[in-house]
Amino acid sequence: MPETKKVKELMLLPGEYPAIRDTDSLKEALETLREYREGQGHHHRSLLVFNNEDKLVGILTIRGIMDGLQRSMMQYENTELWNIGWAALYKKDAFKKYTISEVKQVMRPLVEAWVSSDDTVNTAIKLMMTKKVNILPVFKEGKAVGILRLVDILDYVYELT
């Protein structure tokens, strides 16, 4: 039964997931995702964000990266949201110009959603559905020990049927 399994039984370890610093640029974040995909063959859609003291401080999603690009485009083009043309990204060197924002400006802070390694999978599902997230950092005694993904929960539930 899903509610009896613990989060720690399904989570990925931090080393199994791409990570960046909160001071890295959006360009560096995209490069990290690409390198991880090419090197390990995993198509992760988010990155763990650590500060300079190696403390997990947030999650950066692909949507967060797109939001950061959108903000930069609005700033550089001096325009409103409704007037942004995404085709501007296709211009030579435009991508470099729009990806200078730091990750910490667009990451999802951990205060929004996280679980304990001893929480049940059922607790994690409720939190994911309530907060509308697909990934949760897992903590034990105040330290980040893993990542729980909704896709792994779905795989587990599927195996039960």
Protein backbone atom coordinates (compact mmCIF):
# COMPACT_ATOMS: atom_id res chain seq x y z
CA MET A 1 0.00 0.00 0.00
CA PRO A 2 1.52 3.39 -1.01
CA GLU A 3 0.83 5.09 2.31
CA THR A 4 3.00 2.60 4.21
CA LYS A 5 6.12 3.03 2.07
CA LYS A 6 8.53 5.73 3.25
CA VAL A 7 9.89 8.54 1.08
CA LYS A 8 13.46 7.32 1.69
CA GLU A 9 12.61 4.08 -0.13
CA LEU A 10 11.80 5.89 -3.40
CA MET A 11 14.04 8.95 -3.33
CA LEU A 12 17.07 9.60 -5.50
CA LEU A 13 20.30 10.56 -3.78
CA PRO A 14 21.54 14.14 -4.38
CA GLY A 15 24.46 12.88 -6.51
CA GLU A 16 21.99 11.30 -8.93
CA TYR A 17 20.49 14.67 -9.81
CA PRO A 18 21.96 17.72 -11.59
CA ALA A 19 22.96 20.58 -9.31
CA ILE A 20 24.09 24.19 -9.63
CA ARG A 21 24.92 27.18 -7.41
CA ASP A 22 22.40 29.91 -6.67
CA THR A 23 24.85 32.43 -8.15
CA ASP A 24 25.13 30.59 -11.48
CA SER A 25 23.49 32.13 -14.54
CA LEU A 26 20.50 30.70 -16.37
CA LYS A 27 22.89 29.88 -19.21
CA GLU A 28 25.00 27.77 -16.83
CA ALA A 29 21.82 26.06 -15.61
CA LEU A 30 20.85 25.12 -19.17
CA GLU A 31 24.37 23.90 -19.89
CA THR A 32 24.27 21.71 -16.77
CA LEU A 33 20.96 20.15 -17.84
CA ARG A 34 22.35 19.45 -21.33
CA GLU A 35 25.61 17.98 -20.00
CA TYR A 36 23.72 15.76 -17.58
CA ARG A 37 21.40 14.53 -20.33
CA GLU A 38 24.27 13.83 -22.72
CA GLY A 39 26.53 12.27 -20.09
CA GLN A 40 24.03 10.19 -18.13
CA GLY A 41 21.13 9.97 -20.54
CA HIS A 42 18.62 11.32 -18.00
CA HIS A 43 16.16 13.97 -19.10
CA HIS A 44 15.74 15.83 -15.82
CA ARG A 45 13.51 18.88 -15.96
CA SER A 46 14.89 20.61 -12.88
CA LEU A 47 18.09 21.23 -10.97
CA LEU A 48 19.01 21.29 -7.30
CA VAL A 49 20.25 24.71 -6.23
CA PHE A 50 22.94 25.01 -3.55
CA ASN A 51 24.42 28.10 -1.93
CA ASN A 52 28.15 28.68 -1.33
CA GLU A 53 27.97 26.74 1.95
CA ASP A 54 26.71 23.65 0.06
CA LYS A 55 23.25 24.00 1.58
CA LEU A 56 20.30 23.08 -0.63
CA VAL A 57 18.31 26.31 -1.00
CA GLY A 58 15.95 25.69 -3.90
CA ILE A 59 14.85 23.91 -7.05
CA LEU A 60 15.15 25.40 -10.52
CA THR A 61 12.64 24.05 -13.02
CA ILE A 62 12.52 24.47 -16.77
CA ARG A 63 9.50 26.72 -16.23
CA GLY A 64 11.63 28.81 -13.86
CA ILE A 65 14.27 29.14 -16.56
CA MET A 66 11.61 30.25 -19.06
CA ASP A 67 10.26 32.77 -16.54
CA GLY A 68 13.79 34.12 -16.13
CA LEU A 69 14.19 34.43 -19.89
CA GLN A 70 10.86 36.22 -20.10
CA ARG A 71 11.87 38.72 -17.39
CA SER A 72 15.19 39.39 -19.09
CA MET A 73 13.51 39.91 -22.45
CA MET A 74 11.07 42.37 -20.89
CA GLN A 75 13.95 44.25 -19.27
CA TYR A 76 16.22 44.36 -22.31
CA GLU A 77 13.50 45.05 -24.84
CA ASN A 78 11.79 47.55 -22.50
CA THR A 79 8.39 46.06 -23.22
CA GLU A 80 5.37 44.58 -21.48
CA LEU A 81 4.70 40.85 -21.01
CA TRP A 82 1.95 40.70 -23.63
CA ASN A 83 4.25 42.29 -26.22
CA ILE A 84 7.14 39.82 -25.94
CA GLY A 85 8.00 37.92 -29.09
CA TRP A 86 9.72 34.64 -28.29
CA ALA A 87 11.29 34.76 -31.74
CA ALA A 88 13.75 37.25 -30.23
CA LEU A 89 15.54 34.23 -28.77
CA TYR A 90 16.41 33.00 -32.26
CA LYS A 91 18.61 35.99 -33.06
CA LYS A 92 22.37 35.59 -32.99
CA ASP A 93 23.76 36.03 -29.46
CA ALA A 94 20.30 36.85 -28.07
CA PHE A 95 20.30 33.76 -25.89
CA LYS A 96 23.54 34.87 -24.20
CA LYS A 97 22.04 38.29 -23.51
CA TYR A 98 18.86 36.94 -21.95
CA THR A 99 20.41 34.23 -19.77
CA ILE A 100 22.62 36.35 -17.52
CA SER A 101 20.15 36.37 -14.61
CA GLU A 102 21.24 34.47 -11.51
CA VAL A 103 19.49 31.24 -10.65
CA LYS A 104 18.45 32.53 -7.21
CA GLN A 105 16.23 35.11 -8.93
CA VAL A 106 13.98 32.45 -10.47
CA MET A 107 14.42 29.29 -8.38
CA ARG A 108 11.65 27.84 -6.21
CA PRO A 109 12.72 28.26 -2.56
CA LEU A 110 12.54 25.18 -0.36
CA VAL A 111 10.13 26.77 2.06
CA GLU A 112 7.36 26.07 -0.44
CA ALA A 113 7.54 22.28 -0.49
CA TRP A 114 9.75 19.56 1.02
CA VAL A 115 9.39 16.24 2.87
CA SER A 116 11.20 14.27 5.54
CA SER A 117 12.85 10.97 4.64
CA ASP A 118 10.56 9.23 7.14
CA ASP A 119 7.36 10.73 5.72
CA THR A 120 5.05 8.35 3.91
CA VAL A 121 4.64 8.35 0.15
CA ASN A 122 1.00 9.31 0.74
CA THR A 123 2.13 12.47 2.56
CA ALA A 124 4.43 13.32 -0.35
CA ILE A 125 1.64 12.80 -2.91
CA LYS A 126 -0.68 15.13 -0.99
CA LEU A 127 2.02 17.81 -0.82
CA MET A 128 2.90 17.48 -4.51
CA MET A 129 -0.74 17.79 -5.52
CA THR A 130 -1.41 20.70 -3.15
CA LYS A 131 1.71 22.65 -4.15
CA LYS A 132 1.49 21.58 -7.82
CA VAL A 133 5.10 20.38 -7.97
CA ASN A 134 6.66 17.29 -9.54
CA ILE A 135 9.78 17.12 -7.37
CA LEU A 136 10.37 17.44 -3.63
CA PRO A 137 13.64 17.76 -1.74
CA VAL A 138 13.96 15.19 1.04
CA PHE A 139 15.46 16.14 4.41
CA LYS A 140 16.66 14.21 7.43
CA GLU A 141 17.63 16.10 10.59
CA GLY A 142 17.83 19.38 8.67
CA LYS A 143 20.12 18.04 5.94
CA ALA A 144 19.15 17.39 2.31
CA VAL A 145 19.44 13.64 1.72
CA GLY A 146 17.52 13.10 -1.50
CA ILE A 147 14.98 14.04 -4.12
CA LEU A 148 11.53 12.53 -4.61
CA ARG A 149 9.98 12.76 -8.07
CA LEU A 150 6.33 12.28 -8.93
CA VAL A 151 7.33 10.01 -11.82
CA ASP A 152 9.00 7.62 -9.34
CA ILE A 153 5.86 7.56 -7.21
CA LEU A 154 3.76 6.77 -10.29
CA ASP A 155 6.15 3.94 -11.22
CA TYR A 156 5.81 2.55 -7.70
CA VAL A 157 2.01 2.78 -7.72
CA TYR A 158 1.90 1.15 -11.17
CA GLU A 159 4.00 -1.77 -9.90
CA LEU A 160 1.40 -2.37 -7.18
CA THR A 161 -1.35 -3.00 -9.73
